[in-house]
Amino acid sequence: MKTRRFTTNHIIPASVIMLLALAGCTGSSEGNERGYIIPTSLCGMAIDSDRYQAVFPVGDEIEILDFKTESGDGTTSPRATCTVAVDGTNAFSFSSTPSKTADDLDSFLLEENLGGDLKGTEQIVSGAYQIKASQQASAAYTACSSSRFEHSGMGFFAHVYWGGENRDHLVELIESYADLRMSQIAPDACDVS
């Protein structure tokens, strides 16, 4: 388990200090401002912080809990969960889960009991992924062409725990998250080529 905590009160690495200086950190949240810097790395992945900005709520302190197993060759296990909390309250989470039986997004959501927030949403296809999104959640699925572990596919889920108009952002984020996670997962766990 990797736990990262970002606050404006702790010792901060030099690279983050440079980012703070360039970004002009406010130090505390008042009104509709964030008192923390949106990280450039999230859940062990480099991210475009502008793309993720919409799902980070107002607050002073951010904490990132990242759960995945890393192997010696630089790849990670297919199963991973990452939760971002702001001021001690969950703001949003991402997860990736291999499937042994699902053959599409709907069967993955049913298998994992994740479809509640996505009822009545239309499915879209973007690149290698089947995607559904609501204002609070999004999911993506891609089939494995081969898997040493007999995975039929990989499912990805994002959930936002606070209100807002998040659907369009969640469509972009789940595809971005799925791409980044697939680049971390060993090809023999789920090859999509």
N, C-alpha and C. Protein backbone atom coordinates (compact mmCIF):
# COMPACT_ATOMS: atom_id res chain seq x y z
N MET A 1 0.85 -1.18 0.00
CA MET A 1 0.00 0.00 0.00
C MET A 1 0.89 1.23 0.00
N LYS A 2 0.60 2.15 -0.93
CA LYS A 2 1.29 3.42 -0.94
C LYS A 2 0.33 4.47 -0.42
N THR A 3 0.75 5.27 0.51
CA THR A 3 -0.05 6.37 1.01
C THR A 3 0.72 7.64 0.80
N ARG A 4 0.09 8.59 0.15
CA ARG A 4 0.73 9.88 -0.05
C ARG A 4 -0.16 10.94 0.55
N ARG A 5 0.44 11.88 1.20
CA ARG A 5 -0.31 12.96 1.82
C ARG A 5 0.29 14.26 1.33
N PHE A 6 -0.53 15.11 0.74
CA PHE A 6 -0.08 16.40 0.27
C PHE A 6 -0.74 17.47 1.13
N THR A 7 0.03 18.28 1.80
CA THR A 7 -0.53 19.40 2.56
C THR A 7 0.40 20.59 2.37
N THR A 8 -0.08 21.74 2.74
CA THR A 8 0.76 22.93 2.66
C THR A 8 1.56 23.12 3.95
N ASN A 9 1.38 22.22 4.95
CA ASN A 9 2.06 22.37 6.23
C ASN A 9 3.25 21.45 6.39
N HIS A 10 3.48 20.48 5.50
CA HIS A 10 4.53 19.49 5.64
C HIS A 10 5.75 19.84 4.81
N ILE A 11 6.84 19.14 5.07
CA ILE A 11 8.04 19.30 4.25
C ILE A 11 7.69 18.85 2.85
N ILE A 12 8.02 19.66 1.89
CA ILE A 12 7.63 19.40 0.50
C ILE A 12 8.89 19.26 -0.34
N PRO A 13 8.96 18.23 -1.21
CA PRO A 13 10.12 18.07 -2.08
C PRO A 13 10.36 19.31 -2.94
N ALA A 14 11.61 19.51 -3.36
CA ALA A 14 11.99 20.68 -4.14
C ALA A 14 11.15 20.83 -5.41
N SER A 15 10.84 19.72 -6.09
CA SER A 15 10.05 19.81 -7.32
C SER A 15 8.66 20.37 -7.05
N VAL A 16 8.07 20.02 -5.91
CA VAL A 16 6.75 20.53 -5.56
C VAL A 16 6.86 21.99 -5.16
N ILE A 17 7.94 22.37 -4.47
CA ILE A 17 8.12 23.78 -4.11
C ILE A 17 8.18 24.64 -5.37
N MET A 18 8.88 24.14 -6.40
CA MET A 18 8.92 24.87 -7.67
C MET A 18 7.53 25.01 -8.25
N LEU A 19 6.75 23.95 -8.18
CA LEU A 19 5.39 23.98 -8.70
C LEU A 19 4.55 24.98 -7.92
N LEU A 20 4.71 25.00 -6.58
CA LEU A 20 3.98 25.95 -5.76
C LEU A 20 4.35 27.39 -6.12
N ALA A 21 5.62 27.62 -6.33
CA ALA A 21 6.07 28.97 -6.68
C ALA A 21 5.50 29.40 -8.02
N LEU A 22 5.49 28.49 -8.97
CA LEU A 22 4.96 28.81 -10.29
C LEU A 22 3.45 28.96 -10.29
N ALA A 23 2.77 28.16 -9.47
CA ALA A 23 1.31 28.17 -9.46
C ALA A 23 0.73 29.25 -8.57
N GLY A 24 1.52 29.78 -7.63
CA GLY A 24 1.00 30.82 -6.73
C GLY A 24 -0.02 30.28 -5.75
N CYS A 25 0.38 29.34 -4.92
CA CYS A 25 -0.51 28.69 -3.95
C CYS A 25 -1.12 29.72 -3.01
N THR A 26 -2.42 29.54 -2.69
CA THR A 26 -3.11 30.47 -1.82
C THR A 26 -2.91 30.15 -0.35
N GLY A 27 -2.62 28.87 0.01
CA GLY A 27 -2.37 28.52 1.40
C GLY A 27 -3.57 28.02 2.14
N SER A 28 -4.76 28.54 1.91
CA SER A 28 -5.97 28.02 2.56
C SER A 28 -7.16 28.28 1.66
N SER A 29 -8.20 27.49 1.88
CA SER A 29 -9.37 27.64 1.02
C SER A 29 -10.35 28.62 1.63
N GLU A 30 -10.76 29.56 0.83
CA GLU A 30 -11.79 30.49 1.22
C GLU A 30 -12.75 30.58 0.06
N GLY A 31 -14.03 30.44 0.33
CA GLY A 31 -15.01 30.50 -0.74
C GLY A 31 -14.87 29.31 -1.66
N ASN A 32 -14.53 29.58 -2.92
CA ASN A 32 -14.46 28.52 -3.92
C ASN A 32 -13.03 28.25 -4.37
N GLU A 33 -12.06 28.43 -3.51
CA GLU A 33 -10.67 28.19 -3.88
C GLU A 33 -10.13 26.96 -3.17
N ARG A 34 -9.14 26.35 -3.80
CA ARG A 34 -8.46 25.22 -3.17
C ARG A 34 -7.23 25.73 -2.43
N GLY A 35 -7.00 25.20 -1.24
CA GLY A 35 -5.81 25.53 -0.47
C GLY A 35 -4.71 24.52 -0.69
N TYR A 36 -4.85 23.68 -1.67
CA TYR A 36 -3.85 22.67 -2.01
C TYR A 36 -3.60 22.73 -3.50
N ILE A 37 -2.49 22.19 -3.91
CA ILE A 37 -2.14 22.13 -5.32
C ILE A 37 -2.62 20.79 -5.89
N ILE A 38 -3.26 20.79 -7.03
CA ILE A 38 -3.64 19.55 -7.69
C ILE A 38 -2.35 18.86 -8.13
N PRO A 39 -2.15 17.62 -7.70
CA PRO A 39 -0.88 16.95 -8.01
C PRO A 39 -0.73 16.65 -9.50
N THR A 40 0.52 16.53 -9.92
CA THR A 40 0.80 16.15 -11.31
C THR A 40 0.96 14.64 -11.43
N SER A 41 0.92 13.95 -10.29
CA SER A 41 0.97 12.49 -10.26
C SER A 41 -0.15 12.04 -9.34
N LEU A 42 -0.94 11.10 -9.82
CA LEU A 42 -2.08 10.62 -9.06
C LEU A 42 -2.17 9.11 -9.21
N CYS A 43 -2.24 8.41 -8.12
CA CYS A 43 -2.39 6.95 -8.15
C CYS A 43 -1.24 6.29 -8.89
N GLY A 44 -0.04 6.85 -8.73
CA GLY A 44 1.14 6.28 -9.37
C GLY A 44 1.25 6.58 -10.84
N MET A 45 0.48 7.54 -11.34
CA MET A 45 0.49 7.87 -12.76
C MET A 45 0.64 9.37 -12.95
N ALA A 46 1.43 9.75 -13.93
CA ALA A 46 1.52 11.17 -14.28
C ALA A 46 0.18 11.56 -14.90
N ILE A 47 -0.37 12.68 -14.49
CA ILE A 47 -1.67 13.11 -15.01
C ILE A 47 -1.59 14.53 -15.53
N ASP A 48 -2.53 14.88 -16.36
CA ASP A 48 -2.71 16.25 -16.81
C ASP A 48 -3.61 16.90 -15.77
N SER A 49 -3.03 17.68 -14.86
CA SER A 49 -3.80 18.24 -13.75
C SER A 49 -4.95 19.13 -14.23
N ASP A 50 -4.83 19.76 -15.39
CA ASP A 50 -5.94 20.55 -15.93
C ASP A 50 -7.15 19.65 -16.23
N ARG A 51 -6.89 18.46 -16.75
CA ARG A 51 -7.96 17.52 -17.09
C ARG A 51 -8.67 17.03 -15.83
N TYR A 52 -7.94 16.85 -14.73
CA TYR A 52 -8.50 16.30 -13.50
C TYR A 52 -9.08 17.38 -12.58
N GLN A 53 -8.83 18.64 -12.88
CA GLN A 53 -9.19 19.75 -12.01
C GLN A 53 -10.66 19.73 -11.56
N ALA A 54 -11.57 19.38 -12.46
CA ALA A 54 -13.00 19.45 -12.16
C ALA A 54 -13.45 18.52 -11.04
N VAL A 55 -12.74 17.43 -10.80
CA VAL A 55 -13.18 16.48 -9.77
C VAL A 55 -12.52 16.72 -8.41
N PHE A 56 -11.61 17.70 -8.33
CA PHE A 56 -11.01 18.05 -7.05
C PHE A 56 -11.84 19.15 -6.38
N PRO A 57 -12.46 18.87 -5.22
CA PRO A 57 -13.30 19.88 -4.58
C PRO A 57 -12.48 20.93 -3.82
N VAL A 58 -13.16 21.96 -3.38
CA VAL A 58 -12.57 23.00 -2.54
C VAL A 58 -12.16 22.37 -1.21
N GLY A 59 -11.05 22.80 -0.67
CA GLY A 59 -10.57 22.30 0.63
C GLY A 59 -9.14 22.74 0.86
N ASP A 60 -8.59 22.32 1.99
CA ASP A 60 -7.23 22.73 2.36
C ASP A 60 -6.19 21.64 2.21
N GLU A 61 -6.58 20.37 2.43
CA GLU A 61 -5.60 19.30 2.49
C GLU A 61 -6.05 18.12 1.63
N ILE A 62 -5.12 17.56 0.89
CA ILE A 62 -5.41 16.41 0.03
C ILE A 62 -4.61 15.20 0.52
N GLU A 63 -5.26 14.05 0.49
CA GLU A 63 -4.60 12.79 0.85
C GLU A 63 -4.94 11.77 -0.22
N ILE A 64 -3.92 11.05 -0.70
CA ILE A 64 -4.11 10.06 -1.75
C ILE A 64 -3.72 8.69 -1.21
N LEU A 65 -4.66 7.75 -1.23
CA LEU A 65 -4.42 6.38 -0.80
C LEU A 65 -4.43 5.51 -2.04
N ASP A 66 -3.29 4.90 -2.34
CA ASP A 66 -3.11 4.13 -3.57
C ASP A 66 -2.79 2.69 -3.20
N PHE A 67 -3.66 1.76 -3.60
CA PHE A 67 -3.48 0.34 -3.28
C PHE A 67 -3.30 -0.46 -4.56
N LYS A 68 -2.10 -0.93 -4.79
CA LYS A 68 -1.83 -1.86 -5.89
C LYS A 68 -0.50 -2.52 -5.61
N THR A 69 -0.30 -3.69 -6.19
CA THR A 69 0.93 -4.44 -5.99
C THR A 69 1.86 -4.17 -7.15
N GLU A 70 3.07 -3.74 -6.85
CA GLU A 70 4.07 -3.48 -7.89
C GLU A 70 5.04 -4.65 -7.95
N SER A 71 5.40 -5.04 -9.17
CA SER A 71 6.35 -6.14 -9.34
C SER A 71 7.74 -5.58 -9.64
N GLY A 72 8.72 -6.44 -9.62
CA GLY A 72 10.10 -6.03 -9.83
C GLY A 72 10.37 -5.52 -11.24
N ASP A 73 9.52 -5.86 -12.19
CA ASP A 73 9.76 -5.43 -13.58
C ASP A 73 9.08 -4.11 -13.93
N GLY A 74 8.52 -3.43 -12.92
CA GLY A 74 7.91 -2.13 -13.14
C GLY A 74 6.42 -2.18 -13.46
N THR A 75 5.85 -3.38 -13.60
CA THR A 75 4.42 -3.49 -13.86
C THR A 75 3.69 -3.61 -12.52
N THR A 76 2.37 -3.49 -12.58
CA THR A 76 1.55 -3.61 -11.37
C THR A 76 0.49 -4.68 -11.57
N SER A 77 -0.11 -5.08 -10.47
CA SER A 77 -1.22 -6.02 -10.54
C SER A 77 -2.40 -5.36 -11.25
N PRO A 78 -3.24 -6.16 -11.90
CA PRO A 78 -4.41 -5.58 -12.57
C PRO A 78 -5.39 -4.91 -11.59
N ARG A 79 -5.49 -5.46 -10.38
CA ARG A 79 -6.44 -4.92 -9.41
C ARG A 79 -5.79 -3.77 -8.66
N ALA A 80 -6.44 -2.61 -8.67
CA ALA A 80 -5.91 -1.43 -7.98
C ALA A 80 -7.07 -0.54 -7.54
N THR A 81 -6.86 0.17 -6.46
CA THR A 81 -7.82 1.15 -5.97
C THR A 81 -7.05 2.38 -5.55
N CYS A 82 -7.57 3.52 -5.89
CA CYS A 82 -6.97 4.79 -5.48
C CYS A 82 -8.10 5.71 -5.02
N THR A 83 -7.98 6.22 -3.79
CA THR A 83 -8.98 7.12 -3.24
C THR A 83 -8.31 8.44 -2.90
N VAL A 84 -8.97 9.52 -3.28
CA VAL A 84 -8.49 10.86 -2.98
C VAL A 84 -9.45 11.48 -1.97
N ALA A 85 -8.90 11.91 -0.84
CA ALA A 85 -9.70 12.58 0.19
C ALA A 85 -9.25 14.03 0.29
N VAL A 86 -10.20 14.90 0.53
CA VAL A 86 -9.92 16.32 0.75
C VAL A 86 -10.49 16.68 2.11
N ASP A 87 -9.64 17.22 2.95
CA ASP A 87 -10.00 17.57 4.33
C ASP A 87 -10.63 16.39 5.07
N GLY A 88 -10.10 15.18 4.83
CA GLY A 88 -10.53 14.00 5.54
C GLY A 88 -11.79 13.33 5.01
N THR A 89 -12.36 13.86 3.92
CA THR A 89 -13.58 13.29 3.35
C THR A 89 -13.27 12.80 1.94
N ASN A 90 -13.72 11.58 1.62
CA ASN A 90 -13.48 11.06 0.28
C ASN A 90 -14.06 12.01 -0.77
N ALA A 91 -13.23 12.35 -1.76
CA ALA A 91 -13.65 13.22 -2.86
C ALA A 91 -13.97 12.40 -4.10
N PHE A 92 -13.06 11.48 -4.46
CA PHE A 92 -13.30 10.59 -5.58
C PHE A 92 -12.38 9.40 -5.50
N SER A 93 -12.72 8.38 -6.29
CA SER A 93 -11.89 7.17 -6.30
C SER A 93 -11.86 6.58 -7.70
N PHE A 94 -10.80 5.82 -7.96
CA PHE A 94 -10.63 5.07 -9.19
C PHE A 94 -10.34 3.63 -8.80
N SER A 95 -10.74 2.70 -9.65
CA SER A 95 -10.35 1.30 -9.44
C SER A 95 -10.23 0.60 -10.78
N SER A 96 -9.39 -0.41 -10.79
CA SER A 96 -9.28 -1.28 -11.95
C SER A 96 -9.42 -2.71 -11.45
N THR A 97 -10.19 -3.51 -12.19
CA THR A 97 -10.51 -4.86 -11.75
C THR A 97 -10.51 -5.80 -12.94
N PRO A 98 -9.75 -6.90 -12.86
CA PRO A 98 -9.83 -7.89 -13.94
C PRO A 98 -11.11 -8.71 -13.80
N SER A 99 -11.62 -9.18 -14.92
CA SER A 99 -12.81 -10.02 -14.92
C SER A 99 -12.48 -11.38 -15.48
N LYS A 100 -13.10 -12.40 -14.93
CA LYS A 100 -12.92 -13.76 -15.46
C LYS A 100 -14.09 -14.14 -16.37
N THR A 101 -15.24 -13.46 -16.25
CA THR A 101 -16.42 -13.89 -17.00
C THR A 101 -17.06 -12.82 -17.87
N ALA A 102 -16.86 -11.55 -17.56
CA ALA A 102 -17.55 -10.49 -18.31
C ALA A 102 -17.06 -10.43 -19.75
N ASP A 103 -17.98 -10.18 -20.66
CA ASP A 103 -17.59 -10.03 -22.06
C ASP A 103 -17.93 -8.65 -22.61
N ASP A 104 -18.50 -7.79 -21.76
CA ASP A 104 -18.78 -6.41 -22.14
C ASP A 104 -18.96 -5.58 -20.87
N LEU A 105 -19.17 -4.28 -21.04
CA LEU A 105 -19.27 -3.38 -19.89
C LEU A 105 -20.45 -3.73 -18.99
N ASP A 106 -21.62 -3.99 -19.56
CA ASP A 106 -22.79 -4.30 -18.74
C ASP A 106 -22.57 -5.55 -17.89
N SER A 107 -21.99 -6.60 -18.47
CA SER A 107 -21.76 -7.81 -17.68
C SER A 107 -20.67 -7.58 -16.62
N PHE A 108 -19.69 -6.71 -16.91
CA PHE A 108 -18.69 -6.35 -15.89
C PHE A 108 -19.36 -5.62 -14.73
N LEU A 109 -20.20 -4.63 -15.02
CA LEU A 109 -20.88 -3.88 -13.95
C LEU A 109 -21.76 -4.79 -13.11
N LEU A 110 -22.43 -5.74 -13.75
CA LEU A 110 -23.26 -6.69 -13.03
C LEU A 110 -22.40 -7.61 -12.16
N GLU A 111 -21.32 -8.13 -12.73
CA GLU A 111 -20.40 -9.01 -12.00
C GLU A 111 -19.83 -8.33 -10.75
N GLU A 112 -19.49 -7.06 -10.86
CA GLU A 112 -18.87 -6.32 -9.75
C GLU A 112 -19.87 -5.55 -8.91
N ASN A 113 -21.17 -5.64 -9.26
CA ASN A 113 -22.23 -4.93 -8.55
C ASN A 113 -21.96 -3.42 -8.49
N LEU A 114 -21.61 -2.86 -9.65
CA LEU A 114 -21.24 -1.44 -9.72
C LEU A 114 -22.22 -0.59 -10.53
N GLY A 115 -23.26 -1.15 -11.07
CA GLY A 115 -24.10 -0.42 -12.00
C GLY A 115 -25.07 0.57 -11.43
N GLY A 116 -25.25 0.62 -10.11
CA GLY A 116 -26.27 1.48 -9.51
C GLY A 116 -26.20 2.94 -9.92
N ASP A 117 -25.00 3.52 -9.92
CA ASP A 117 -24.84 4.93 -10.29
C ASP A 117 -24.91 5.15 -11.79
N LEU A 118 -24.97 4.08 -12.57
CA LEU A 118 -24.95 4.20 -14.03
C LEU A 118 -26.24 3.73 -14.69
N LYS A 119 -27.28 3.45 -13.90
CA LYS A 119 -28.56 3.02 -14.46
C LYS A 119 -29.11 4.09 -15.38
N GLY A 120 -29.60 3.65 -16.52
CA GLY A 120 -30.23 4.58 -17.47
C GLY A 120 -29.25 5.40 -18.29
N THR A 121 -27.95 5.13 -18.19
CA THR A 121 -26.97 5.88 -18.97
C THR A 121 -26.70 5.15 -20.28
N GLU A 122 -26.39 5.91 -21.30
CA GLU A 122 -26.07 5.33 -22.59
C GLU A 122 -24.62 4.91 -22.63
N GLN A 123 -24.37 3.83 -23.35
CA GLN A 123 -23.00 3.36 -23.52
C GLN A 123 -22.40 4.01 -24.76
N ILE A 124 -21.15 4.43 -24.65
CA ILE A 124 -20.42 4.95 -25.80
C ILE A 124 -19.19 4.08 -26.01
N VAL A 125 -18.68 4.08 -27.21
CA VAL A 125 -17.44 3.36 -27.50
C VAL A 125 -16.40 4.40 -27.86
N SER A 126 -15.27 4.33 -27.20
CA SER A 126 -14.18 5.26 -27.46
C SER A 126 -12.89 4.46 -27.51
N GLY A 127 -12.30 4.36 -28.68
CA GLY A 127 -11.08 3.57 -28.83
C GLY A 127 -11.36 2.12 -28.47
N ALA A 128 -10.58 1.57 -27.56
CA ALA A 128 -10.71 0.18 -27.16
C ALA A 128 -11.75 -0.02 -26.05
N TYR A 129 -12.41 1.05 -25.59
CA TYR A 129 -13.24 0.96 -24.40
C TYR A 129 -14.72 1.16 -24.68
N GLN A 130 -15.54 0.39 -23.96
CA GLN A 130 -16.96 0.65 -23.82
C GLN A 130 -17.07 1.49 -22.55
N ILE A 131 -17.79 2.61 -22.60
CA ILE A 131 -17.83 3.56 -21.48
C ILE A 131 -19.27 3.94 -21.16
N LYS A 132 -19.58 4.07 -19.87
CA LYS A 132 -20.83 4.66 -19.40
C LYS A 132 -20.45 5.70 -18.35
N ALA A 133 -21.24 6.78 -18.29
CA ALA A 133 -20.97 7.81 -17.29
C ALA A 133 -22.24 8.51 -16.86
N SER A 134 -22.29 8.87 -15.58
CA SER A 134 -23.36 9.70 -15.03
C SER A 134 -22.68 10.92 -14.41
N GLN A 135 -23.42 11.70 -13.63
CA GLN A 135 -22.81 12.85 -12.97
C GLN A 135 -21.88 12.44 -11.83
N GLN A 136 -22.06 11.22 -11.29
CA GLN A 136 -21.29 10.79 -10.13
C GLN A 136 -20.33 9.64 -10.40
N ALA A 137 -20.47 8.94 -11.53
CA ALA A 137 -19.64 7.75 -11.74
C ALA A 137 -19.40 7.53 -13.23
N SER A 138 -18.34 6.79 -13.51
CA SER A 138 -18.09 6.35 -14.89
C SER A 138 -17.41 4.99 -14.83
N ALA A 139 -17.59 4.24 -15.89
CA ALA A 139 -16.98 2.91 -15.98
C ALA A 139 -16.53 2.68 -17.41
N ALA A 140 -15.48 1.88 -17.55
CA ALA A 140 -14.97 1.50 -18.87
C ALA A 140 -14.61 0.02 -18.82
N TYR A 141 -14.66 -0.62 -19.98
CA TYR A 141 -14.32 -2.03 -20.07
C TYR A 141 -13.61 -2.26 -21.40
N THR A 142 -12.60 -3.11 -21.35
CA THR A 142 -11.93 -3.56 -22.57
C THR A 142 -11.69 -5.06 -22.45
N ALA A 143 -11.86 -5.76 -23.55
CA ALA A 143 -11.66 -7.21 -23.56
C ALA A 143 -10.17 -7.54 -23.68
N CYS A 144 -9.75 -8.62 -23.04
CA CYS A 144 -8.39 -9.13 -23.18
C CYS A 144 -8.37 -10.08 -24.37
N SER A 145 -7.40 -9.90 -25.27
CA SER A 145 -7.26 -10.86 -26.37
C SER A 145 -6.57 -12.12 -25.88
N SER A 146 -5.74 -11.99 -24.85
CA SER A 146 -5.13 -13.14 -24.19
C SER A 146 -4.77 -12.75 -22.77
N SER A 147 -4.71 -13.78 -21.90
CA SER A 147 -4.37 -13.55 -20.50
C SER A 147 -3.86 -14.84 -19.90
N ARG A 148 -2.68 -14.76 -19.31
CA ARG A 148 -2.12 -15.92 -18.62
C ARG A 148 -3.01 -16.33 -17.45
N PHE A 149 -3.77 -15.39 -16.91
CA PHE A 149 -4.63 -15.64 -15.75
C PHE A 149 -6.08 -15.88 -16.15
N GLU A 150 -6.32 -16.02 -17.44
CA GLU A 150 -7.66 -16.26 -17.98
C GLU A 150 -8.63 -15.13 -17.68
N HIS A 151 -8.13 -13.90 -17.66
CA HIS A 151 -9.01 -12.75 -17.53
C HIS A 151 -9.71 -12.54 -18.87
N SER A 152 -11.01 -12.30 -18.81
CA SER A 152 -11.76 -12.02 -20.03
C SER A 152 -11.62 -10.56 -20.43
N GLY A 153 -11.36 -9.70 -19.45
CA GLY A 153 -11.23 -8.28 -19.73
C GLY A 153 -10.86 -7.50 -18.49
N MET A 154 -10.71 -6.20 -18.67
CA MET A 154 -10.39 -5.30 -17.57
C MET A 154 -11.50 -4.25 -17.47
N GLY A 155 -11.96 -4.03 -16.23
CA GLY A 155 -12.95 -3.00 -15.98
C GLY A 155 -12.34 -1.89 -15.13
N PHE A 156 -12.82 -0.69 -15.36
CA PHE A 156 -12.31 0.49 -14.66
C PHE A 156 -13.52 1.28 -14.15
N PHE A 157 -13.41 1.82 -12.95
CA PHE A 157 -14.54 2.53 -12.36
C PHE A 157 -14.04 3.79 -11.67
N ALA A 158 -14.77 4.87 -11.83
CA ALA A 158 -14.47 6.14 -11.14
C ALA A 158 -15.74 6.60 -10.46
N HIS A 159 -15.60 7.12 -9.25
CA HIS A 159 -16.77 7.60 -8.52
C HIS A 159 -16.41 8.93 -7.86
N VAL A 160 -17.27 9.91 -8.01
CA VAL A 160 -17.12 11.22 -7.38
C VAL A 160 -18.12 11.27 -6.23
N TYR A 161 -17.63 11.61 -5.03
CA TYR A 161 -18.47 11.57 -3.83
C TYR A 161 -19.09 12.91 -3.48
N TRP A 162 -18.90 13.91 -4.27
CA TRP A 162 -19.50 15.21 -4.01
C TRP A 162 -20.25 15.63 -5.28
N GLY A 163 -21.17 16.57 -5.16
CA GLY A 163 -22.02 16.96 -6.27
C GLY A 163 -21.29 17.71 -7.35
N GLY A 164 -22.01 18.05 -8.37
CA GLY A 164 -21.44 18.81 -9.47
C GLY A 164 -21.80 18.21 -10.81
N GLU A 165 -21.50 18.95 -11.84
CA GLU A 165 -21.73 18.50 -13.21
C GLU A 165 -20.47 17.80 -13.69
N ASN A 166 -20.36 16.51 -13.42
CA ASN A 166 -19.12 15.80 -13.67
C ASN A 166 -19.14 14.85 -14.85
N ARG A 167 -20.30 14.63 -15.50
CA ARG A 167 -20.40 13.57 -16.50
C ARG A 167 -19.34 13.69 -17.60
N ASP A 168 -19.25 14.83 -18.24
CA ASP A 168 -18.30 14.98 -19.35
C ASP A 168 -16.86 14.78 -18.88
N HIS A 169 -16.56 15.30 -17.69
CA HIS A 169 -15.21 15.11 -17.14
C HIS A 169 -14.95 13.64 -16.84
N LEU A 170 -15.96 12.95 -16.32
CA LEU A 170 -15.78 11.55 -15.97
C LEU A 170 -15.59 10.65 -17.19
N VAL A 171 -16.20 11.01 -18.31
CA VAL A 171 -15.96 10.26 -19.56
C VAL A 171 -14.49 10.37 -19.94
N GLU A 172 -13.96 11.59 -19.94
CA GLU A 172 -12.55 11.81 -20.26
C GLU A 172 -11.62 11.13 -19.25
N LEU A 173 -11.97 11.26 -17.97
CA LEU A 173 -11.09 10.73 -16.92
C LEU A 173 -11.04 9.21 -16.92
N ILE A 174 -12.17 8.55 -17.14
CA ILE A 174 -12.14 7.09 -17.08
C ILE A 174 -11.34 6.54 -18.25
N GLU A 175 -11.43 7.17 -19.41
CA GLU A 175 -10.63 6.71 -20.55
C GLU A 175 -9.14 6.96 -20.30
N SER A 176 -8.82 8.12 -19.75
CA SER A 176 -7.43 8.44 -19.43
C SER A 176 -6.90 7.49 -18.37
N TYR A 177 -7.68 7.26 -17.31
CA TYR A 177 -7.28 6.33 -16.25
C TYR A 177 -7.08 4.92 -16.81
N ALA A 178 -8.01 4.46 -17.64
CA ALA A 178 -7.90 3.11 -18.21
C ALA A 178 -6.64 2.98 -19.06
N ASP A 179 -6.36 3.99 -19.89
CA ASP A 179 -5.14 3.96 -20.71
C ASP A 179 -3.89 3.88 -19.84
N LEU A 180 -3.84 4.72 -18.80
CA LEU A 180 -2.67 4.74 -17.92
C LEU A 180 -2.52 3.43 -17.16
N ARG A 181 -3.63 2.89 -16.65
CA ARG A 181 -3.56 1.62 -15.92
C ARG A 181 -3.14 0.48 -16.85
N MET A 182 -3.67 0.45 -18.07
CA MET A 182 -3.30 -0.62 -19.01
C MET A 182 -1.81 -0.56 -19.32
N SER A 183 -1.23 0.64 -19.32
CA SER A 183 0.21 0.76 -19.58
C SER A 183 1.04 0.24 -18.39
N GLN A 184 0.44 0.15 -17.20
CA GLN A 184 1.13 -0.35 -16.01
C GLN A 184 0.98 -1.85 -15.81
N ILE A 185 -0.07 -2.42 -16.37
CA ILE A 185 -0.38 -3.84 -16.15
C ILE A 185 0.45 -4.70 -17.10
N ALA A 186 1.02 -5.77 -16.57
CA ALA A 186 1.83 -6.68 -17.39
C ALA A 186 0.97 -7.22 -18.54
N PRO A 187 1.50 -7.21 -19.76
CA PRO A 187 0.74 -7.69 -20.92
C PRO A 187 0.22 -9.12 -20.76
N ASP A 188 0.95 -9.98 -20.05
CA ASP A 188 0.45 -11.35 -19.91
C ASP A 188 -0.76 -11.44 -18.97
N ALA A 189 -1.02 -10.39 -18.19
CA ALA A 189 -2.22 -10.35 -17.34
C ALA A 189 -3.45 -10.01 -18.16
N CYS A 190 -3.29 -9.12 -19.14
CA CYS A 190 -4.39 -8.76 -20.04
C CYS A 190 -3.80 -8.07 -21.25
N ASP A 191 -3.66 -8.81 -22.32
CA ASP A 191 -3.14 -8.26 -23.57
C ASP A 191 -4.33 -7.83 -24.41
N VAL A 192 -4.33 -6.59 -24.85
CA VAL A 192 -5.45 -6.07 -25.65
C VAL A 192 -5.07 -5.82 -27.10
N SER A 193 -3.86 -6.23 -27.50
CA SER A 193 -3.43 -5.97 -28.88
C SER A 193 -4.06 -6.93 -29.86
